[in-house]
Amino acid sequence: MKFSSSFSGLASCVIAGFASVGCGQGGLGDPTGATCPSNSTLTYENFGRTFFATNCLECHSSKESPHFNTLEQIQAAKDLIDRAAASGPNATNTYMPEDGEVSDADRTKLGEWLACGAK
């Protein structure tokens, strides 16, 4: 699979951004292994928008990279978000947000939503 240079640049920025913002806790965690249940009702409108506004956009709207201002930006970084802030059967990652004040239930929902394609 061949990636365009703009996608490669975005991927590099995403990786560099997460590596730098998670430095205080040693970088990113393991993939959570979260799955998308067939009965999932989580969407950007009923979960993602509020989750990111509450927990991420203070830094990731303009100060820190990657930026999470749009659903497309979130989708481009979903695997890294999983390793930084989500929970599933294989890992609970608490690298982000830096204050760590996200409930385990919300981290599990984040993992599910990301596994369902962050739509």
Protein backbone atom coordinates (compact mmCIF):
# COMPACT_ATOMS: atom_id res chain seq x y z
CA MET A 1 0.00 0.00 0.00
CA LYS A 2 1.44 3.35 -1.01
CA PHE A 3 0.69 6.42 1.12
CA SER A 4 0.61 9.94 -0.20
CA SER A 5 3.23 12.30 1.16
CA SER A 6 0.56 14.37 2.91
CA PHE A 7 -0.77 11.30 4.72
CA SER A 8 2.76 10.24 5.64
CA GLY A 9 3.40 13.73 6.99
CA LEU A 10 0.19 13.64 9.03
CA ALA A 11 1.06 10.22 10.42
CA SER A 12 4.53 11.44 11.40
CA CYS A 13 3.04 14.48 13.14
CA VAL A 14 0.52 12.33 14.99
CA ILE A 15 3.18 9.92 16.19
CA ALA A 16 5.56 12.71 17.19
CA GLY A 17 2.76 14.61 18.92
CA PHE A 18 1.64 11.69 21.03
CA ALA A 19 5.20 10.69 21.85
CA SER A 20 5.95 14.17 23.15
CA VAL A 21 2.76 14.79 25.11
CA GLY A 22 2.93 11.45 26.87
CA CYS A 23 6.55 11.77 27.91
CA GLY A 24 5.79 12.23 31.58
CA GLN A 25 4.44 8.70 31.71
CA GLY A 26 6.82 6.98 29.29
CA GLY A 27 4.92 7.36 26.00
CA LEU A 28 1.99 5.34 24.74
CA GLY A 29 0.49 2.19 26.14
CA ASP A 30 -0.47 -1.04 24.46
CA PRO A 31 -3.43 -1.39 22.10
CA THR A 32 -6.51 -1.99 24.22
CA GLY A 33 -8.00 -4.78 22.14
CA ALA A 34 -11.38 -3.07 22.33
CA THR A 35 -13.96 -4.43 19.92
CA CYS A 36 -17.11 -3.06 18.35
CA PRO A 37 -20.18 -4.91 19.60
CA SER A 38 -22.93 -5.29 17.02
CA ASN A 39 -25.35 -3.47 19.34
CA SER A 40 -23.10 -0.45 19.95
CA THR A 41 -24.98 2.84 19.98
CA LEU A 42 -21.96 5.13 20.45
CA THR A 43 -21.55 7.87 17.85
CA TYR A 44 -19.63 11.10 17.49
CA GLU A 45 -22.83 13.00 18.25
CA ASN A 46 -23.80 11.11 21.42
CA PHE A 47 -20.33 10.33 22.78
CA GLY A 48 -17.26 11.45 20.84
CA ARG A 49 -17.97 15.18 20.57
CA THR A 50 -18.57 15.60 24.31
CA PHE A 51 -15.71 13.30 25.31
CA PHE A 52 -13.19 15.23 23.23
CA ALA A 53 -14.56 18.64 24.24
CA THR A 54 -14.35 17.71 27.91
CA ASN A 55 -11.05 15.82 27.97
CA CYS A 56 -8.93 16.71 24.95
CA LEU A 57 -9.61 20.02 23.26
CA GLU A 58 -8.13 22.23 25.96
CA CYS A 59 -4.75 21.17 24.55
CA HIS A 60 -5.51 19.40 21.27
CA SER A 61 -7.51 22.14 19.57
CA SER A 62 -4.46 24.27 18.83
CA LYS A 63 -1.62 23.96 21.38
CA GLU A 64 -0.67 20.30 21.07
CA SER A 65 -0.48 18.05 18.05
CA PRO A 66 -2.36 16.09 16.91
CA HIS A 67 -5.38 18.35 16.75
CA PHE A 68 -8.84 16.91 17.38
CA ASN A 69 -11.06 19.69 16.03
CA THR A 70 -12.85 17.51 13.50
CA LEU A 71 -14.08 13.96 13.31
CA GLU A 72 -11.65 13.38 10.44
CA GLN A 73 -8.69 14.40 12.62
CA ILE A 74 -9.85 12.03 15.36
CA GLN A 75 -10.34 9.18 12.90
CA ALA A 76 -6.83 9.71 11.50
CA ALA A 77 -5.39 9.28 15.01
CA LYS A 78 -7.76 6.65 16.41
CA ASP A 79 -5.12 3.94 16.90
CA LEU A 80 -2.89 6.35 18.80
CA ILE A 81 -5.82 7.67 20.85
CA ASP A 82 -6.58 4.06 21.79
CA ARG A 83 -3.00 3.65 23.05
CA ALA A 84 -3.12 6.95 24.97
CA ALA A 85 -6.54 7.16 26.58
CA ALA A 86 -8.83 4.17 25.99
CA SER A 87 -9.61 0.95 27.80
CA GLY A 88 -10.35 -2.56 26.58
CA PRO A 89 -9.69 -6.19 27.53
CA ASN A 90 -5.92 -5.95 26.92
CA ALA A 91 -5.05 -2.56 28.46
CA THR A 92 -6.33 0.54 30.19
CA ASN A 93 -4.31 3.50 28.98
CA THR A 94 -4.22 6.58 31.17
CA TYR A 95 -1.50 8.62 29.47
CA MET A 96 -4.03 11.22 28.39
CA PRO A 97 -5.43 13.50 29.50
CA GLU A 98 -2.50 14.47 31.64
CA ASP A 99 -4.72 15.04 34.70
CA GLY A 100 -6.04 11.49 34.27
CA GLU A 101 -9.52 12.40 35.41
CA VAL A 102 -11.45 10.19 33.00
CA SER A 103 -13.52 7.39 34.48
CA ASP A 104 -12.76 3.79 33.55
CA ALA A 105 -16.30 3.59 32.13
CA ASP A 106 -15.63 6.51 29.79
CA ARG A 107 -12.25 5.06 28.77
CA THR A 108 -14.05 1.78 27.93
CA LYS A 109 -16.65 3.68 25.89
CA LEU A 110 -13.83 5.49 24.09
CA GLY A 111 -12.22 2.15 23.23
CA GLU A 112 -15.53 0.80 21.92
CA TRP A 113 -16.26 3.95 19.90
CA LEU A 114 -12.78 3.91 18.35
CA ALA A 115 -13.08 0.17 17.55
CA CYS A 116 -16.40 0.91 15.83
CA GLY A 117 -14.59 3.32 13.51
CA ALA A 118 -15.11 6.55 15.47
CA LYS A 119 -18.17 7.47 13.42
